[in-house]
Protein backbone atom coordinates (compact mmCIF):
# COMPACT_ATOMS: atom_id res chain seq x y z
CA MET A 1 6.58 6.93 102.97
CA LYS A 2 10.28 7.68 103.25
CA LYS A 3 12.46 5.75 100.80
CA ILE A 4 16.20 5.22 100.69
CA ASN A 5 18.41 4.01 97.87
CA VAL A 6 20.51 0.95 98.68
CA ALA A 7 23.52 -0.71 97.06
CA LEU A 8 24.53 -4.35 97.46
CA VAL A 9 28.15 -5.31 96.81
CA GLY A 10 29.09 -8.98 96.33
CA LEU A 11 26.48 -11.32 94.91
CA GLY A 12 27.79 -14.78 95.74
CA PHE A 13 25.99 -14.95 99.06
CA GLY A 14 24.77 -11.37 98.68
CA GLY A 15 22.51 -12.32 95.81
CA ALA A 16 20.10 -13.77 98.39
CA PHE A 17 19.29 -10.21 99.48
CA VAL A 18 18.61 -8.53 96.12
CA GLU A 19 14.90 -9.33 95.88
CA ILE A 20 14.37 -8.60 99.58
CA TYR A 21 15.72 -5.05 99.24
CA ALA A 22 13.74 -4.57 96.04
CA ALA A 23 10.53 -5.61 97.85
CA HIS A 24 11.06 -3.44 100.94
CA PRO A 25 8.52 -0.59 100.98
CA ASN A 26 11.13 1.89 102.26
CA VAL A 27 13.65 1.15 99.50
CA GLY A 28 13.69 3.04 96.22
CA THR A 29 16.42 1.90 93.86
CA VAL A 30 18.71 -1.08 94.44
CA THR A 31 22.18 -0.87 92.91
CA ILE A 32 24.27 -4.03 92.66
CA CYS A 33 27.81 -4.89 91.66
CA ASP A 34 30.11 -7.88 91.57
CA LYS A 35 33.45 -8.53 89.90
CA ASN A 36 31.71 -11.40 88.15
CA GLN A 37 29.69 -9.49 85.56
CA THR A 38 27.83 -12.63 84.51
CA LEU A 39 26.63 -13.11 88.07
CA ALA A 40 25.56 -9.47 88.31
CA ALA A 41 23.61 -9.74 85.05
CA ARG A 42 21.45 -12.50 86.54
CA PHE A 43 19.84 -9.97 88.88
CA SER A 44 19.46 -7.14 86.36
CA GLY A 45 15.89 -8.16 85.64
CA VAL A 46 14.71 -7.71 89.23
CA ASN A 47 12.35 -4.75 89.46
CA GLY A 48 14.10 -1.51 90.43
CA VAL A 49 17.62 -2.98 90.24
CA ARG A 50 20.50 -1.41 88.33
CA VAL A 51 24.00 -2.82 87.80
CA VAL A 52 27.27 -0.88 88.10
CA ALA A 53 30.83 -2.01 87.52
CA SER A 54 32.54 -1.39 90.86
CA LEU A 55 32.40 -0.32 94.49
CA GLU A 56 34.05 2.92 93.44
CA ASP A 57 31.01 3.72 91.30
CA ILE A 58 28.80 3.21 94.34
CA VAL A 59 30.94 5.22 96.76
CA SER A 60 31.01 8.19 94.37
CA ASP A 61 27.26 8.12 93.70
CA ASP A 62 25.54 10.70 95.92
CA SER A 63 22.11 9.26 95.17
CA ILE A 64 22.92 6.10 97.15
CA ASP A 65 22.13 6.31 100.88
CA ALA A 66 23.29 2.93 102.19
CA VAL A 67 25.54 0.04 101.19
CA HIS A 68 25.37 -3.64 102.20
CA LEU A 69 28.79 -5.29 101.81
CA VAL A 70 28.97 -9.03 101.17
CA THR A 71 32.61 -9.05 100.09
CA PRO A 72 35.51 -11.36 101.14
CA ILE A 73 36.70 -11.07 104.74
CA PRO A 74 40.09 -9.51 103.86
CA CYS A 75 38.23 -6.60 102.19
CA HIS A 76 35.84 -5.74 105.03
CA ALA A 77 37.88 -3.01 106.72
CA GLU A 78 38.86 -1.17 103.53
CA HIS A 79 35.39 -1.41 102.01
CA ALA A 80 33.43 -0.51 105.16
CA ALA A 81 35.64 2.50 105.92
CA ALA A 82 35.32 3.74 102.33
CA VAL A 83 31.53 3.45 102.42
CA LEU A 84 31.22 5.27 105.76
CA ARG A 85 33.64 8.04 104.79
CA SER A 86 31.65 8.64 101.61
CA GLY A 87 28.70 9.62 103.80
CA LYS A 88 26.73 6.41 103.38
CA HIS A 89 25.34 4.01 105.96
CA CYS A 90 27.10 0.65 105.97
CA ALA A 91 25.98 -2.90 106.67
CA CYS A 92 28.63 -5.60 106.47
CA THR A 93 28.66 -9.36 106.62
CA VAL A 94 30.73 -11.02 109.34
CA PRO A 95 33.25 -10.73 110.79
CA MET A 96 33.79 -7.00 111.16
CA ALA A 97 37.51 -7.64 110.55
CA THR A 98 40.25 -10.00 111.74
CA ALA A 99 42.89 -7.50 112.91
CA MET A 100 42.72 -4.91 115.68
CA ASN A 101 43.93 -2.02 113.50
CA ASP A 102 41.27 -2.83 110.88
CA ILE A 103 38.54 -2.82 113.51
CA ASP A 104 39.81 0.57 114.71
CA LYS A 105 39.66 1.82 111.12
CA ILE A 106 35.95 0.99 110.88
CA LEU A 107 35.17 2.41 114.34
CA ASN A 108 36.91 5.68 113.45
CA ALA A 109 35.09 5.92 110.11
CA ALA A 110 31.72 5.34 111.79
CA ARG A 111 32.45 7.95 114.46
CA ASP A 112 33.72 10.57 112.00
CA SER A 113 30.91 10.09 109.48
CA GLY A 114 28.04 9.86 111.95
CA LYS A 115 26.51 7.15 109.74
CA ASN A 116 25.13 3.81 110.84
CA TYR A 117 27.23 0.67 110.79
CA MET A 118 25.38 -2.62 111.22
CA LEU A 119 26.88 -6.08 111.55
CA MET A 120 24.82 -8.43 109.35
CA GLU A 121 25.16 -11.45 111.66
CA THR A 122 22.57 -13.99 110.52
CA THR A 123 22.36 -15.91 113.81
CA LEU A 124 20.97 -12.82 115.56
CA TYR A 125 17.83 -12.94 113.41
CA THR A 126 17.16 -16.65 113.13
CA TYR A 127 13.78 -17.74 114.45
CA GLN A 128 15.64 -19.75 117.13
CA TYR A 129 17.41 -16.64 118.42
CA LEU A 130 14.28 -14.51 118.26
CA TYR A 131 12.39 -17.19 120.20
CA ALA A 132 15.10 -17.49 122.86
CA SER A 133 15.17 -13.68 123.14
CA GLU A 134 11.43 -13.68 123.83
CA MET A 135 11.90 -16.37 126.48
CA LEU A 136 14.61 -14.24 128.08
CA ALA A 137 12.53 -11.05 128.01
CA ALA A 138 9.59 -12.89 129.59
CA GLY A 139 11.80 -14.22 132.38
CA LYS A 140 11.19 -17.85 131.41
CA PHE A 141 14.84 -18.86 131.88
CA GLY A 142 14.86 -17.64 135.46
CA ARG A 143 18.49 -16.85 136.24
CA VAL A 144 20.70 -17.51 133.21
CA GLN A 145 23.56 -19.69 134.44
CA PHE A 146 25.60 -20.47 131.32
CA LEU A 147 25.65 -20.06 127.53
CA ARG A 148 27.13 -22.29 124.84
CA GLY A 149 27.60 -21.85 121.09
CA SER A 150 29.05 -23.85 118.21
CA HIS A 151 29.62 -23.64 114.49
CA TYR A 152 30.81 -26.76 112.69
CA GLN A 153 31.65 -26.47 109.01
CA ASP A 154 34.08 -27.95 106.49
CA MET A 155 35.53 -25.20 104.29
CA THR A 156 37.33 -27.55 101.89
CA GLY A 157 36.93 -26.26 98.35
CA TRP A 158 36.12 -22.68 99.33
CA PRO A 159 38.15 -19.73 97.92
CA PRO A 160 41.90 -20.08 98.65
CA TYR A 161 42.02 -17.45 101.41
CA TRP A 162 40.00 -19.84 103.60
CA ASN A 163 42.72 -22.51 103.57
CA GLY A 164 44.01 -22.86 107.14
CA PHE A 165 41.89 -19.94 108.37
CA PRO A 166 42.02 -19.70 112.19
CA PRO A 167 38.63 -21.08 113.30
CA MET A 168 37.85 -18.41 115.87
CA TRP A 169 38.54 -15.58 113.42
CA TYR A 170 35.23 -16.66 111.92
CA GLY A 171 33.65 -17.58 115.22
CA THR A 172 30.92 -14.95 115.10
CA HIS A 173 28.08 -17.37 114.29
CA ALA A 174 28.91 -19.30 117.47
CA VAL A 175 29.64 -16.32 119.73
CA ALA A 176 27.18 -13.64 118.58
CA PRO A 177 24.06 -15.28 120.09
CA LEU A 178 25.88 -15.64 123.41
CA LEU A 179 26.87 -11.99 123.43
CA GLY A 180 23.41 -10.87 122.38
CA LEU A 181 21.66 -12.90 125.08
CA SER A 182 24.17 -12.08 127.83
CA GLY A 183 22.96 -8.52 128.38
CA SER A 184 26.60 -7.58 128.85
CA ARG A 185 29.92 -7.32 127.01
CA ILE A 186 32.81 -9.76 126.75
CA LYS A 187 35.71 -8.67 128.93
CA THR A 188 38.08 -11.68 129.07
CA VAL A 189 38.81 -14.56 126.69
CA TYR A 190 40.50 -17.93 127.27
CA GLY A 191 41.15 -19.72 123.97
CA PHE A 192 42.30 -23.27 123.26
CA GLY A 193 43.32 -24.99 120.05
CA SER A 194 42.98 -28.71 119.49
CA GLY A 195 43.96 -31.34 116.96
CA ALA A 196 46.51 -31.30 114.18
CA MET A 197 46.02 -29.95 110.68
CA ASP A 198 47.64 -30.88 107.38
CA ASP A 199 50.86 -28.92 106.81
CA ALA A 200 49.56 -27.52 103.52
CA LEU A 201 46.74 -25.80 105.40
CA VAL A 202 49.01 -24.44 108.14
CA ARG A 203 51.15 -22.41 105.73
CA ASN A 204 48.66 -19.61 104.98
CA TYR A 205 48.18 -18.28 108.51
CA GLY A 206 50.54 -20.29 110.69
CA ASN A 207 47.48 -21.76 112.40
CA PRO A 208 48.00 -25.40 113.46
CA TYR A 209 44.47 -25.99 114.75
CA PRO A 210 41.49 -27.37 112.82
CA PHE A 211 39.35 -26.90 115.95
CA GLU A 212 39.25 -24.10 118.52
CA THR A 213 37.18 -23.52 121.61
CA ALA A 214 37.07 -20.60 124.03
CA ILE A 215 35.63 -19.49 127.34
CA PHE A 216 34.23 -15.96 127.34
CA GLU A 217 33.77 -14.01 130.56
CA PHE A 218 31.25 -11.17 130.57
CA GLU A 219 31.29 -8.01 132.65
CA ASN A 220 28.17 -9.18 134.52
CA GLY A 221 29.97 -12.34 135.67
CA LEU A 222 28.28 -14.74 133.23
CA LYS A 223 30.44 -17.28 131.40
CA ALA A 224 30.01 -18.85 127.97
CA GLU A 225 31.80 -21.45 125.87
CA ALA A 226 31.97 -21.55 122.06
CA SER A 227 33.56 -24.06 119.68
CA ARG A 228 34.43 -23.69 116.00
CA SER A 229 35.78 -26.10 113.40
CA LEU A 230 36.79 -25.39 109.82
CA PHE A 231 38.78 -28.36 108.56
CA GLU A 232 39.39 -32.06 109.11
CA THR A 233 36.55 -32.55 111.60
CA ALA A 234 33.85 -35.07 110.64
CA ARG A 235 30.82 -33.27 112.04
CA ALA A 236 27.51 -32.42 110.37
CA TYR A 237 27.09 -28.71 109.65
CA ARG A 238 25.50 -26.68 112.43
CA GLU A 239 25.35 -23.15 113.74
CA GLY A 240 23.79 -23.45 117.14
CA PHE A 241 23.54 -22.07 120.66
CA SER A 242 22.18 -23.13 124.05
CA VAL A 243 20.93 -21.19 127.06
CA TYR A 244 21.02 -22.83 130.50
CA GLY A 245 18.77 -21.18 133.06
CA SER A 246 17.53 -21.97 136.56
CA ASP A 247 13.95 -22.42 135.33
CA ALA A 248 14.38 -23.43 131.68
CA CYS A 249 16.98 -24.39 129.08
CA PHE A 250 17.02 -23.89 125.31
CA GLU A 251 19.28 -26.27 123.35
CA TRP A 252 19.73 -26.40 119.58
CA GLY A 253 19.28 -29.89 118.11
CA TYR A 254 22.09 -32.05 116.74
CA ARG A 255 21.76 -30.91 113.14
CA ASP A 256 21.40 -27.36 111.87
CA GLU A 257 17.82 -27.95 110.73
CA ASP A 258 16.68 -29.67 113.94
CA ASP A 259 14.15 -28.06 116.25
CA PRO A 260 15.51 -27.07 119.68
CA TYR A 261 14.94 -28.91 122.94
CA ILE A 262 13.33 -26.75 125.62
CA THR A 263 13.52 -28.10 129.14
CA THR A 264 11.34 -26.54 131.83
CA ARG A 265 11.52 -27.04 135.59
CA LYS A 266 8.10 -27.43 137.18
CA SER A 267 8.48 -26.79 140.88
CA ASP A 268 5.87 -27.93 143.40
CA GLY A 269 7.76 -26.94 146.53
CA ARG A 270 9.48 -30.30 147.00
CA ALA A 271 13.22 -30.78 147.07
CA GLU A 272 13.10 -32.40 143.63
CA SER A 273 11.32 -30.81 140.69
CA GLU A 274 9.96 -32.37 137.53
CA LEU A 275 11.81 -31.60 134.30
CA VAL A 276 9.68 -31.46 131.16
CA VAL A 277 11.46 -31.69 127.81
CA ASP A 278 9.75 -30.42 124.68
CA ILE A 279 11.01 -30.44 121.07
CA SER A 280 9.64 -27.14 119.88
CA GLU A 281 8.85 -26.03 116.35
CA MET A 282 9.81 -22.38 116.05
CA PRO A 283 7.63 -19.58 114.65
CA ASN A 284 9.35 -17.37 112.08
CA PHE A 285 8.21 -13.96 113.41
CA TYR A 286 7.07 -12.77 109.99
CA GLU A 287 4.64 -10.35 111.66
CA ARG A 288 7.59 -8.18 112.73
CA LEU A 289 8.25 -7.34 109.08
CA PRO A 290 6.49 -5.20 106.47
CA GLU A 291 4.00 -7.43 104.67
CA PRO A 292 5.91 -7.44 101.34
CA LEU A 293 8.78 -9.21 103.13
CA TRP A 294 6.74 -11.93 104.84
CA ARG A 295 7.25 -14.47 102.07
CA PHE A 296 11.03 -14.34 102.40
CA THR A 297 10.90 -15.83 105.91
CA VAL A 298 9.90 -19.19 104.43
CA GLY A 299 11.46 -18.91 100.97
CA GLU A 300 10.24 -21.52 98.51
CA ARG A 301 7.75 -22.82 101.07
CA TYR A 302 5.62 -19.71 100.63
CA ASP A 303 2.20 -20.53 99.20
CA SER A 304 0.43 -17.48 97.78
CA ALA A 305 -2.87 -19.40 97.79
CA HIS A 306 -2.58 -20.09 101.51
CA PRO A 307 -0.20 -17.35 102.75
CA ILE A 308 -0.84 -17.39 106.49
CA LYS A 309 -0.74 -21.17 106.69
CA SER A 310 2.60 -21.34 104.86
CA LEU A 311 4.04 -18.51 106.95
CA ARG A 312 3.47 -20.48 110.14
CA ILE A 313 6.14 -22.97 109.05
CA GLY A 314 9.26 -22.45 111.14
CA ALA A 315 11.92 -23.73 108.76
CA GLY A 316 12.18 -21.74 105.56
CA GLY A 317 14.10 -18.81 104.10
CA GLY A 318 17.85 -18.25 104.25
CA HIS A 319 19.61 -18.89 107.56
CA HIS A 320 16.39 -19.91 109.32
CA GLY A 321 14.41 -16.94 108.06
CA ALA A 322 17.05 -14.37 109.07
CA HIS A 323 17.59 -12.60 105.74
CA PRO A 324 14.46 -10.39 105.62
CA HIS A 325 14.88 -9.50 109.31
CA LEU A 326 18.45 -8.36 108.62
CA VAL A 327 17.36 -6.21 105.70
CA HIS A 328 14.48 -4.65 107.63
CA ALA A 329 16.63 -3.92 110.70
CA PHE A 330 19.18 -2.07 108.56
CA VAL A 331 16.65 -0.12 106.49
CA ASP A 332 14.48 0.70 109.50
CA SER A 333 17.44 2.10 111.45
CA ILE A 334 18.16 4.54 108.63
CA VAL A 335 14.57 5.55 107.98
CA ASN A 336 13.97 6.21 111.70
CA ASN A 337 17.43 7.71 112.32
CA VAL A 338 18.37 5.33 115.14
CA LYS A 339 21.40 3.15 115.81
CA PRO A 340 21.06 -0.50 114.79
CA ARG A 341 20.85 -2.87 117.74
CA TYR A 342 23.98 -4.65 116.51
CA ASP A 343 26.09 -1.61 115.73
CA GLU A 344 29.83 -0.99 115.48
CA ARG A 345 30.40 -1.28 119.24
CA PHE A 346 28.66 -4.63 119.42
CA ALA A 347 30.53 -5.73 116.28
CA ALA A 348 33.88 -4.64 117.70
CA ASN A 349 33.37 -6.42 121.03
CA LEU A 350 32.33 -9.59 119.19
CA SER A 351 35.03 -9.54 116.52
CA VAL A 352 37.88 -8.58 118.84
CA ALA A 353 36.85 -11.31 121.29
CA CYS A 354 37.03 -13.85 118.45
CA VAL A 355 40.43 -12.56 117.29
CA LEU A 356 41.75 -12.76 120.87
CA ALA A 357 40.34 -16.26 121.27
CA HIS A 358 42.69 -17.46 118.53
CA GLU A 359 45.57 -15.41 119.95
CA SER A 360 44.96 -16.94 123.39
CA ALA A 361 44.90 -20.42 121.85
CA MET A 362 48.30 -19.75 120.27
CA LEU A 363 49.52 -18.72 123.75
CA GLY A 364 48.32 -21.93 125.37
CA GLY A 365 45.11 -20.53 126.84
CA LYS A 366 46.51 -17.33 128.33
CA PRO A 367 43.62 -15.03 129.43
CA LEU A 368 43.39 -11.89 127.29
CA GLU A 369 41.43 -8.76 128.11
CA VAL A 370 39.04 -7.30 125.51
CA PRO A 371 39.38 -3.52 125.20
CA THR A 372 36.34 -1.29 125.71
CA PHE A 373 35.04 0.51 122.63
């Protein structure tokens, strides 16, 4: 069995992936690093894991095949380009970057190196998204008429660079499912800002809006709307999306942990059709993964005495079971020498559309065209 050596940089959120990489049957050694040496030491006891001091140590180590970056947003472009140019495959947490020249830097590095770049967008591997994707592939939606996404979160108390952050710069959790399900690419963006933010939060980025929403137009004519809040909005946390089709609709519940509502049209040839609404518990698609990763789809809910029964629980591991699917997608793309489904072109279209959504909002909703990559 082919094995690759992987490095993981940034262990705040990234620590959730250490054991998953270590358990993957196609992974040999796992190298980790974080500026917080105490944090890094916590994972040193995981089987097959070694700790190094810096990203530079990883980039210069020819034994490492791939790097997963979970570093702060302002570092993404510099770190991803360095990893790719060192001849290593790169996975990076979202967003790809928040400036056009930084996105170009990553695209150029991926092209020149010939190595894989994968956007580690959690919403694209949640059991809700995987379920909606199966509905789409089976034609259950009929004709998709509209898409909607949202991400509500209060970032008060997070690291200082978040203060006043333009909401749509970090709109990927709301927009990525819409792009993935559209079967197309975003070509035009109309952004709108709303509300008023405390002056102390405006200073960092000159962004006056605690809440932004945008309309995205796809090349195939489909439209989608996404909303994002970061500060001063009293809303329960949720990353969610909805699909509105001629034959069925999929709508995320009110809270992040709620099961979705699936509405189905049952036609009997009459002018009016019956609508049936079901609150559906999602499967977690563990069977798509190598068996050693199954338990991570349900996290602490995994019961080794009754494995299959516990694996049938929808709610579970990180970001609705997404973490092991992200790891496997990245590793599998390298082992089989194929492009990841959510590669640098997908990442660029998504991230640029989000950047332009904020720019459009600052211009009063002016439509902005998304370049082709």
